């Protein structure tokens, strides 16, 4: 028994050690800031025919959101207040913009005044120096970039799981936040808004804990706990959203002809083609990153098998094997379907009754999540039941629920259960009571869509 306990302790220890491979034990030196995927794409983007002179006065946090804590209050903001600096850096990385200083314009103007007064004083004291050059004029922008961080939604998804047995257990939790950025380009010549782009980015937080609470001997308690949390930095999430916004602004400006890349129409066509694919994918992606894909074809065939059980007038009903062939027609963009089925089942009661039946049915089906890989559905319909020699035919109606999982876009695995209510009480050759006979079916199988 003692070896059993030590084995569990060692297993818990080594399982948890993997979480600490990156645990910091030493001070880290300053390093170059992390790059995001959109940043790398910006640096590799085709160069412009001529850089665009752009100015950013203020790209600020417009959410007013403060950091969420469990107890008390905090005056620390949830979103970085340096979004303007991040945007200037993204514009510089893209090589598409010549960025002029506007965030602290007063500092720049004051410094230029100091230069002028210093030169004037120097010229006054040194009369020989009469040809001191004037300061060059400030570069003016052709495009203003405006917008900001307009939304920070916390806890859009939260969840977790855990289990404990004999004092040994573990748990995991997760939380997802969401940040939203708008960026627009404004022409300084006429004030027209040229383009507006909208980008969102999720922020993930995870926690894992493993614990042991057990008496190893009389009055000797062993207690152990190990765990870790991982929080995606909000600053990197803001930076990635801004980088992506700059990338999309450049692309949409190319498509609409506001600016042009070096390389001519060939590069423009390449940019349009790639952006069209991204737009189509974005249209098919709903909130919580759910893919809105039409996985089912218009026609499907299926084969299912399982067990059947009669609920009749005899006791000790047994499970018998049954199988069905299905033909399905999808309606209304995969949410509704019309199906036809033919099948056979064995019904029996222990040492009393056994019969082979053949059934046909027509069902109307409704899919709750038609675009997901795992789709619950329900159905209702009518049909008939016949014996082997087709001498006895009975009307029935049925209803059921099911679950379909897509291995590929054309092949689905299904599990379903249904109840058949027969129009007679004589299916088991015994009439007793006022209720008609019923049949329960549980089936599993495949659907293939064309």
Protein backbone atom coordinates (compact mmCIF):
# COMPACT_ATOMS: atom_id res chain seq x y z
CA UNK A 1 0.00 0.00 0.00
CA UNK A 2 2.88 2.32 0.82
CA UNK A 3 4.47 1.68 -2.59
CA UNK A 4 1.14 2.56 -4.20
CA UNK A 5 1.11 5.93 -2.44
CA UNK A 6 4.71 6.70 -3.40
CA UNK A 7 3.97 5.79 -7.00
CA UNK A 8 1.09 8.28 -7.09
CA UNK A 9 3.24 10.98 -5.49
CA UNK A 10 6.06 10.46 -7.99
CA UNK A 11 3.59 10.44 -10.90
CA UNK A 12 2.07 13.70 -9.70
CA UNK A 13 5.52 15.23 -9.29
CA UNK A 14 6.85 14.31 -12.71
CA UNK A 15 3.57 15.28 -14.41
CA UNK A 16 3.81 18.73 -12.89
CA UNK A 17 7.51 19.20 -13.62
CA UNK A 18 6.76 19.82 -17.29
CA UNK A 19 5.02 23.05 -16.32
CA UNK A 20 8.19 24.40 -14.76
CA UNK A 21 10.71 23.87 -17.53
CA UNK A 22 10.44 27.61 -18.31
CA UNK A 23 10.19 28.76 -14.71
CA UNK A 24 12.49 31.79 -14.20
CA UNK A 25 15.14 31.31 -11.51
CA UNK A 26 17.54 34.09 -12.53
CA UNK A 27 17.24 37.75 -13.43
CA UNK A 28 16.81 38.40 -17.13
CA UNK A 29 18.72 41.09 -18.97
CA UNK A 30 17.10 43.67 -21.24
CA UNK A 31 16.40 42.32 -24.70
CA UNK A 32 14.87 43.41 -27.98
CA UNK A 33 11.09 43.53 -27.86
CA UNK A 34 9.08 40.58 -29.12
CA UNK A 35 7.75 40.71 -32.67
CA UNK A 36 4.30 39.59 -33.70
CA UNK A 37 3.24 37.70 -36.82
CA UNK A 38 1.70 40.86 -38.38
CA UNK A 39 4.98 42.71 -37.70
CA UNK A 40 6.92 40.10 -39.65
CA UNK A 41 4.41 40.35 -42.50
CA UNK A 42 4.69 44.15 -42.52
CA UNK A 43 8.47 43.98 -42.85
CA UNK A 44 8.16 41.56 -45.80
CA UNK A 45 5.35 43.48 -47.52
CA UNK A 46 6.02 44.83 -51.04
CA UNK A 47 7.52 48.32 -51.00
CA UNK A 48 5.52 51.38 -52.16
CA UNK A 49 6.17 53.41 -55.26
CA UNK A 50 6.61 56.39 -52.95
CA UNK A 51 6.33 56.51 -49.13
CA UNK A 52 3.24 58.28 -47.75
CA UNK A 53 3.85 61.14 -45.31
CA UNK A 54 1.60 60.38 -42.35
CA UNK A 55 0.92 62.00 -38.98
CA UNK A 56 -0.54 60.52 -35.79
CA UNK A 57 -1.70 63.07 -33.22
CA UNK A 58 -3.32 60.68 -30.78
CA UNK A 59 -4.18 57.01 -30.97
CA UNK A 60 -5.45 56.41 -27.47
CA UNK A 61 -7.30 54.03 -25.22
CA UNK A 62 -10.98 54.96 -25.50
CA UNK A 63 -12.29 52.12 -23.35
CA UNK A 64 -11.84 53.66 -19.89
CA UNK A 65 -11.31 50.09 -18.69
CA UNK A 66 -9.45 49.41 -15.46
CA UNK A 67 -7.72 46.18 -14.52
CA UNK A 68 -10.08 43.61 -13.06
CA UNK A 69 -9.09 42.21 -9.65
CA UNK A 70 -10.88 39.80 -7.34
CA UNK A 71 -11.15 42.11 -4.33
CA UNK A 72 -11.07 45.88 -3.99
CA UNK A 73 -10.44 48.38 -6.75
CA UNK A 74 -7.52 49.51 -8.85
CA UNK A 75 -6.69 52.65 -10.79
CA UNK A 76 -4.36 50.84 -13.17
CA UNK A 77 -5.72 50.77 -16.71
CA UNK A 78 -6.34 47.47 -18.47
CA UNK A 79 -4.98 48.75 -21.80
CA UNK A 80 -1.57 50.29 -22.45
CA UNK A 81 -1.65 54.10 -22.78
CA UNK A 82 1.19 54.03 -25.31
CA UNK A 83 -0.84 53.00 -28.34
CA UNK A 84 0.30 56.08 -30.30
CA UNK A 85 3.92 55.01 -29.96
CA UNK A 86 3.01 51.46 -31.03
CA UNK A 87 1.22 52.80 -34.11
CA UNK A 88 4.21 54.97 -35.06
CA UNK A 89 6.46 51.92 -34.76
CA UNK A 90 4.12 49.83 -36.93
CA UNK A 91 4.06 52.55 -39.60
CA UNK A 92 7.85 52.69 -39.55
CA UNK A 93 8.17 48.89 -39.80
CA UNK A 94 5.91 48.79 -42.84
CA UNK A 95 8.27 51.04 -44.90
CA UNK A 96 5.12 52.51 -46.48
CA UNK A 97 4.97 55.67 -44.41
CA UNK A 98 7.22 58.58 -43.57
CA UNK A 99 5.99 59.40 -40.08
CA UNK A 100 6.15 63.00 -38.81
CA UNK A 101 6.08 63.92 -35.14
CA UNK A 102 2.71 65.22 -33.97
CA UNK A 103 2.04 63.60 -30.59
CA UNK A 104 4.36 66.07 -28.81
CA UNK A 105 4.30 68.82 -31.41
CA UNK A 106 4.62 71.56 -28.78
CA UNK A 107 7.97 70.14 -27.67
CA UNK A 108 9.19 70.14 -31.27
CA UNK A 109 8.06 73.75 -31.84
CA UNK A 110 9.66 74.90 -28.60
CA UNK A 111 12.95 73.28 -29.60
CA UNK A 112 12.85 74.97 -33.00
CA UNK A 113 12.25 78.33 -31.29
CA UNK A 114 15.26 77.68 -29.07
CA UNK A 115 17.37 76.98 -32.16
CA UNK A 116 16.22 80.22 -33.80
CA UNK A 117 16.87 82.34 -30.71
CA UNK A 118 20.30 80.73 -30.21
CA UNK A 119 21.26 81.41 -33.81
CA UNK A 120 20.01 84.99 -33.58
CA UNK A 121 22.03 85.55 -30.41
CA UNK A 122 25.11 84.00 -32.01
CA UNK A 123 24.72 86.20 -35.13
CA UNK A 124 24.30 89.31 -32.99
CA UNK A 125 27.51 88.64 -31.08
CA UNK A 126 29.43 87.64 -34.22
CA UNK A 127 28.62 90.27 -36.80
CA UNK A 128 30.80 88.57 -39.35
CA UNK A 129 28.42 85.61 -39.47
CA UNK A 130 25.59 87.13 -41.48
CA UNK A 131 24.74 84.17 -43.71
CA UNK A 132 23.35 81.76 -41.07
CA UNK A 133 20.91 79.43 -42.87
CA UNK A 134 17.27 79.37 -41.83
CA UNK A 135 15.68 76.30 -40.33
CA UNK A 136 14.05 74.10 -42.98
CA UNK A 137 10.26 74.06 -43.00
CA UNK A 138 8.44 71.29 -41.12
CA UNK A 139 7.32 68.37 -43.24
CA UNK A 140 3.55 68.33 -43.55
CA UNK A 141 1.47 65.14 -43.74
CA UNK A 142 -0.68 64.05 -46.64
CA UNK A 143 -2.58 61.56 -44.47
CA UNK A 144 -3.76 61.72 -40.86
CA UNK A 145 -4.17 58.42 -39.02
CA UNK A 146 -6.87 58.47 -36.37
CA UNK A 147 -8.76 55.99 -34.20
CA UNK A 148 -7.89 54.09 -31.06
CA UNK A 149 -8.54 51.10 -28.85
CA UNK A 150 -12.32 51.25 -28.63
CA UNK A 151 -13.19 48.09 -26.70
CA UNK A 152 -11.76 45.78 -24.04
CA UNK A 153 -14.20 43.00 -23.17
CA UNK A 154 -13.28 40.82 -20.20
CA UNK A 155 -14.31 37.23 -19.56
CA UNK A 156 -16.00 36.62 -22.90
CA UNK A 157 -15.21 32.93 -22.28
CA UNK A 158 -14.41 31.36 -18.91
CA UNK A 159 -14.28 27.75 -17.90
CA UNK A 160 -12.32 24.92 -16.43
CA UNK A 161 -12.32 21.32 -15.27
CA UNK A 162 -11.14 19.39 -12.25
CA UNK A 163 -11.30 16.08 -10.44
CA UNK A 164 -10.26 14.66 -7.07
CA UNK A 165 -10.08 11.06 -5.87
CA UNK A 166 -8.74 9.82 -2.54
CA UNK A 167 -7.10 13.15 -1.82
CA UNK A 168 -5.36 13.41 -5.20
CA UNK A 169 -6.66 15.87 -7.75
CA UNK A 170 -6.06 18.54 -10.29
CA UNK A 171 -7.85 21.42 -11.93
CA UNK A 172 -7.48 23.76 -14.85
CA UNK A 173 -9.09 27.12 -15.57
CA UNK A 174 -9.05 29.49 -18.51
CA UNK A 175 -10.31 32.94 -19.37
CA UNK A 176 -10.42 34.87 -22.62
CA UNK A 177 -10.64 38.65 -23.05
CA UNK A 178 -11.02 40.59 -26.28
CA UNK A 179 -9.55 43.87 -27.51
CA UNK A 180 -10.81 45.86 -30.51
CA UNK A 181 -8.95 48.50 -32.55
CA UNK A 182 -10.23 50.92 -35.21
CA UNK A 183 -7.86 52.77 -37.53
CA UNK A 184 -8.81 55.29 -40.22
CA UNK A 185 -6.87 57.28 -42.81
CA UNK A 186 -7.96 60.88 -43.42
CA UNK A 187 -6.85 63.03 -46.34
CA UNK A 188 -5.37 66.34 -45.12
CA UNK A 189 -6.24 68.11 -48.39
CA UNK A 190 -10.01 67.75 -48.15
CA UNK A 191 -10.71 65.94 -44.85
CA UNK A 192 -12.17 62.88 -46.56
CA UNK A 193 -11.95 59.58 -44.67
CA UNK A 194 -10.17 57.35 -47.16
CA UNK A 195 -10.34 54.00 -45.36
CA UNK A 196 -11.39 52.58 -41.99
CA UNK A 197 -10.28 49.17 -40.73
CA UNK A 198 -11.43 47.18 -37.72
CA UNK A 199 -9.34 44.52 -35.98
CA UNK A 200 -10.01 42.37 -32.92
CA UNK A 201 -7.61 40.20 -30.89
CA UNK A 202 -8.30 37.78 -28.04
CA UNK A 203 -6.20 37.59 -24.86
CA UNK A 204 -5.86 34.18 -23.20
CA UNK A 205 -5.19 33.39 -19.52
CA UNK A 206 -4.71 29.83 -18.25
CA UNK A 207 -4.14 28.21 -14.87
CA UNK A 208 -3.24 24.63 -13.93
CA UNK A 209 -3.07 23.21 -10.40
CA UNK A 210 -2.26 19.72 -9.10
CA UNK A 211 -2.57 18.81 -5.43
CA UNK A 212 -2.21 15.92 -3.01
CA UNK A 213 -3.84 15.71 0.44
CA UNK A 214 -3.45 12.31 2.06
CA UNK A 215 -2.67 10.52 5.31
CA UNK A 216 0.39 8.34 4.66
CA UNK A 217 0.48 7.02 8.23
CA UNK A 218 -1.48 7.46 11.42
CA UNK A 219 -1.43 11.17 12.34
CA UNK A 220 0.96 11.88 9.45
CA UNK A 221 -0.52 14.02 6.74
CA UNK A 222 1.12 14.62 3.35
CA UNK A 223 0.02 17.77 1.56
CA UNK A 224 1.49 18.93 -1.75
CA UNK A 225 0.44 21.46 -4.34
CA UNK A 226 1.96 22.59 -7.60
CA UNK A 227 0.64 24.76 -10.41
CA UNK A 228 1.19 27.65 -12.75
CA UNK A 229 -0.67 30.40 -14.58
CA UNK A 230 -0.01 31.89 -18.02
CA UNK A 231 -1.36 35.28 -19.01
CA UNK A 232 -0.94 36.63 -22.52
CA UNK A 233 0.55 40.16 -22.23
CA UNK A 234 -2.03 42.82 -23.03
CA UNK A 235 0.68 45.05 -24.52
CA UNK A 236 1.57 42.39 -27.11
CA UNK A 237 -2.11 41.90 -27.91
CA UNK A 238 -2.53 45.65 -28.52
CA UNK A 239 0.64 45.71 -30.62
CA UNK A 240 -0.52 42.76 -32.73
CA UNK A 241 -3.94 44.34 -33.31
CA UNK A 242 -2.32 47.66 -34.35
CA UNK A 243 0.17 45.90 -36.64
CA UNK A 244 -2.67 44.01 -38.29
CA UNK A 245 -4.69 47.23 -38.66
CA UNK A 246 -1.76 48.94 -40.46
CA UNK A 247 -1.36 45.93 -42.75
CA UNK A 248 -5.05 45.93 -43.68
CA UNK A 249 -5.06 49.70 -44.17
CA UNK A 250 -2.21 49.41 -46.69
CA UNK A 251 -3.91 46.52 -48.51
CA UNK A 252 -7.33 48.18 -48.76
CA UNK A 253 -5.69 51.41 -49.92
CA UNK A 254 -3.93 49.47 -52.69
CA UNK A 255 -7.18 47.79 -53.74
CA UNK A 256 -9.06 51.11 -53.84
CA UNK A 257 -6.22 52.87 -55.67
CA UNK A 258 -5.26 55.43 -52.99
CA UNK A 259 -1.63 54.31 -53.13
CA UNK A 260 0.33 51.83 -55.21
CA UNK A 261 3.10 49.29 -54.62
CA UNK A 262 6.30 49.05 -56.59
CA UNK A 263 5.99 46.29 -59.18
CA UNK A 264 2.83 47.41 -60.93
CA UNK A 265 -0.34 45.45 -61.63
CA UNK A 266 1.25 42.07 -60.98
CA UNK A 267 1.85 42.93 -57.31
CA UNK A 268 -1.62 44.54 -57.03
CA UNK A 269 -3.28 41.36 -58.33
CA UNK A 270 -1.25 39.24 -55.91
CA UNK A 271 -2.29 41.44 -52.96
CA UNK A 272 -5.96 41.37 -54.02
CA UNK A 273 -5.95 37.57 -54.35
CA UNK A 274 -4.48 36.97 -50.89
CA UNK A 275 -6.72 39.54 -49.24
CA UNK A 276 -9.83 38.05 -50.83
CA UNK A 277 -8.98 34.67 -49.26
CA UNK A 278 -8.54 36.34 -45.87
CA UNK A 279 -11.88 38.14 -46.20
CA UNK A 280 -13.69 34.92 -47.09
CA UNK A 281 -12.18 33.19 -44.07
CA UNK A 282 -13.16 36.11 -41.84
CA UNK A 283 -16.77 35.95 -43.07
CA UNK A 284 -16.90 32.27 -42.13
CA UNK A 285 -15.46 32.88 -38.65
CA UNK A 286 -17.93 33.91 -36.00
CA UNK A 287 -17.36 35.09 -32.43
CA UNK A 288 -15.35 32.65 -30.27
CA UNK A 289 -13.47 31.58 -33.42
CA UNK A 290 -16.25 29.30 -34.62
CA UNK A 291 -15.92 28.43 -38.30
CA UNK A 292 -19.09 28.95 -40.29
CA UNK A 293 -18.52 26.27 -42.92
CA UNK A 294 -21.06 24.37 -45.01
CA UNK A 295 -19.74 20.89 -44.27
CA UNK A 296 -22.67 18.92 -45.63
CA UNK A 297 -23.45 18.39 -49.28
CA UNK A 298 -27.00 18.54 -50.62
CA UNK A 299 -27.37 14.75 -50.61
CA UNK A 300 -26.13 12.25 -48.03
CA UNK A 301 -26.27 8.48 -47.59
CA UNK A 302 -25.77 6.70 -44.30
CA UNK A 303 -25.49 3.31 -42.69
CA UNK A 304 -26.15 2.80 -38.97
CA UNK A 305 -26.35 -0.19 -36.67
CA UNK A 306 -27.14 -0.79 -33.03
CA UNK A 307 -29.68 -2.26 -30.68
CA UNK A 308 -33.49 -2.24 -30.44
CA UNK A 309 -35.77 -2.99 -27.51
CA UNK A 310 -39.53 -3.44 -27.41
CA UNK A 311 -41.67 -1.88 -24.70
CA UNK A 312 -44.77 -4.06 -24.86
CA UNK A 313 -46.97 -6.23 -22.70
CA UNK A 314 -44.37 -8.87 -21.80
CA UNK A 315 -41.65 -8.45 -19.19
CA UNK A 316 -37.90 -9.12 -19.56
CA UNK A 317 -37.48 -7.37 -22.91
CA UNK A 318 -34.06 -8.04 -24.49
CA UNK A 319 -31.84 -5.99 -26.76
CA UNK A 320 -31.71 -7.16 -30.36
CA UNK A 321 -29.53 -6.11 -33.26
CA UNK A 322 -30.84 -3.61 -35.79
CA UNK A 323 -29.53 -1.72 -38.82
CA UNK A 324 -30.79 1.07 -41.09
CA UNK A 325 -29.91 2.62 -44.44
CA UNK A 326 -30.51 6.36 -44.80
CA UNK A 327 -30.93 8.79 -47.68
CA UNK A 328 -30.81 12.47 -46.70
CA UNK A 329 -31.59 15.72 -48.54
CA UNK A 330 -30.29 18.93 -46.98
CA UNK A 331 -32.53 22.02 -46.93
CA UNK A 332 -32.07 25.68 -45.94
CA UNK A 333 -28.27 25.92 -45.82
CA UNK A 334 -27.62 22.80 -43.73
CA UNK A 335 -29.93 23.59 -40.80
CA UNK A 336 -32.89 21.46 -41.94
CA UNK A 337 -32.96 18.08 -43.65
CA UNK A 338 -35.45 15.58 -45.05
CA UNK A 339 -34.49 11.90 -44.74
CA UNK A 340 -35.79 8.48 -45.83
CA UNK A 341 -34.81 5.30 -44.04
CA UNK A 342 -35.20 1.52 -44.42
CA UNK A 343 -34.18 -0.90 -41.68
CA UNK A 344 -34.58 -4.16 -39.89
CA UNK A 345 -34.53 -5.10 -36.19
CA UNK A 346 -34.97 -8.12 -33.94
CA UNK A 347 -37.39 -7.73 -31.02
CA UNK A 348 -37.61 -10.25 -28.20
CA UNK A 349 -38.66 -10.98 -24.63
CA UNK A 350 -36.69 -13.61 -22.77
CA UNK A 351 -38.02 -17.12 -23.51
CA UNK A 352 -41.41 -15.71 -24.55
CA UNK A 353 -41.39 -13.73 -27.79
CA UNK A 354 -39.08 -13.03 -30.73
CA UNK A 355 -39.86 -11.35 -34.02
CA UNK A 356 -37.95 -9.87 -36.94
CA UNK A 357 -39.46 -6.62 -38.19
CA UNK A 358 -38.81 -4.31 -41.13
CA UNK A 359 -39.47 -0.60 -40.89
CA UNK A 360 -39.54 2.38 -43.20
CA UNK A 361 -39.59 6.00 -42.10
CA UNK A 362 -39.60 9.57 -43.30
CA UNK A 363 -38.09 12.18 -40.96
CA UNK A 364 -37.77 15.92 -40.75
CA UNK A 365 -34.45 16.86 -39.09
CA UNK A 366 -33.22 20.04 -37.44
CA UNK A 367 -29.48 20.70 -36.79
CA UNK A 368 -28.76 22.92 -33.82
CA UNK A 369 -25.16 23.87 -34.82
CA UNK A 370 -25.03 23.21 -38.56
CA UNK A 371 -21.58 24.75 -39.14
CA UNK A 372 -19.69 23.07 -36.29
CA UNK A 373 -17.72 19.83 -36.43
CA UNK A 374 -19.87 18.41 -33.62
CA UNK A 375 -23.56 18.96 -34.34
CA UNK A 376 -26.50 17.99 -32.10
CA UNK A 377 -29.75 17.44 -33.97
CA UNK A 378 -33.34 16.34 -33.41
CA UNK A 379 -35.89 14.75 -35.73
CA UNK A 380 -39.49 13.68 -35.94
CA UNK A 381 -41.34 11.67 -38.58
CA UNK A 382 -43.73 8.91 -39.58
CA UNK A 383 -43.34 5.43 -41.02
CA UNK A 384 -44.50 1.83 -41.02
CA UNK A 385 -43.52 -1.52 -39.52
CA UNK A 386 -43.96 -4.88 -41.27
CA UNK A 387 -43.25 -8.49 -40.45
CA UNK A 388 -41.08 -10.75 -42.57
CA UNK A 389 -43.85 -11.97 -44.87
CA UNK A 390 -45.33 -8.44 -45.08
CA UNK A 391 -48.66 -9.78 -43.88
CA UNK A 392 -48.88 -7.35 -40.97
CA UNK A 393 -48.32 -3.64 -41.53
CA UNK A 394 -48.59 -1.03 -38.80
CA UNK A 395 -48.39 2.73 -38.91
CA UNK A 396 -45.97 4.45 -36.52
CA UNK A 397 -44.47 7.80 -35.73
CA UNK A 398 -41.03 8.41 -34.24
CA UNK A 399 -38.88 11.09 -32.70
CA UNK A 400 -35.28 11.17 -31.60
CA UNK A 401 -32.09 13.10 -30.92
CA UNK A 402 -28.60 12.59 -32.29
CA UNK A 403 -25.04 13.81 -32.49
CA UNK A 404 -22.90 14.03 -35.63
CA UNK A 405 -19.13 14.48 -35.68
CA UNK A 406 -17.33 15.37 -38.93
CA UNK A 407 -14.08 13.51 -39.55
CA UNK A 408 -13.81 15.33 -42.91
CA UNK A 409 -16.09 17.79 -44.68
CA UNK A 410 -17.90 14.88 -46.37
CA UNK A 411 -17.75 12.10 -43.78
CA UNK A 412 -19.62 12.26 -40.47
CA UNK A 413 -19.89 9.83 -37.56
CA UNK A 414 -23.36 9.71 -35.99
CA UNK A 415 -24.89 8.51 -32.74
CA UNK A 416 -28.63 8.72 -32.21
CA UNK A 417 -31.47 7.40 -30.11
CA UNK A 418 -35.17 7.31 -30.96
CA UNK A 419 -38.54 6.07 -29.78
CA UNK A 420 -41.08 4.51 -32.16
CA UNK A 421 -44.73 4.61 -31.13
CA UNK A 422 -46.75 1.93 -32.93
CA UNK A 423 -50.40 2.25 -33.90
CA UNK A 424 -51.20 -1.16 -32.37
CA UNK A 425 -50.83 -3.01 -29.09
CA UNK A 426 -50.58 -6.33 -30.90
CA UNK A 427 -46.99 -6.14 -32.18
CA UNK A 428 -45.87 -8.66 -29.54
CA UNK A 429 -49.03 -10.75 -30.17
CA UNK A 430 -50.53 -9.80 -26.82
CA UNK A 431 -53.09 -7.09 -26.10
CA UNK A 432 -53.07 -5.95 -22.50
CA UNK A 433 -53.92 -2.50 -21.18
CA UNK A 434 -54.68 0.68 -23.10
CA UNK A 435 -51.17 1.69 -24.26
CA UNK A 436 -49.78 0.72 -27.65
CA UNK A 437 -46.42 -0.98 -28.07
CA UNK A 438 -43.23 1.05 -28.43
CA UNK A 439 -39.71 0.40 -29.69
CA UNK A 440 -36.48 2.04 -28.54
CA UNK A 441 -33.60 2.22 -31.03
CA UNK A 442 -29.99 3.26 -30.39
CA UNK A 443 -27.83 3.51 -33.51
CA UNK A 444 -24.28 4.48 -34.46
CA UNK A 445 -22.78 4.74 -37.93
CA UNK A 446 -21.60 7.02 -40.72
CA UNK A 447 -23.01 9.60 -43.13
CA UNK A 448 -21.36 10.40 -46.45
CA UNK A 449 -22.30 13.61 -48.25
CA UNK A 450 -22.11 14.42 -51.96
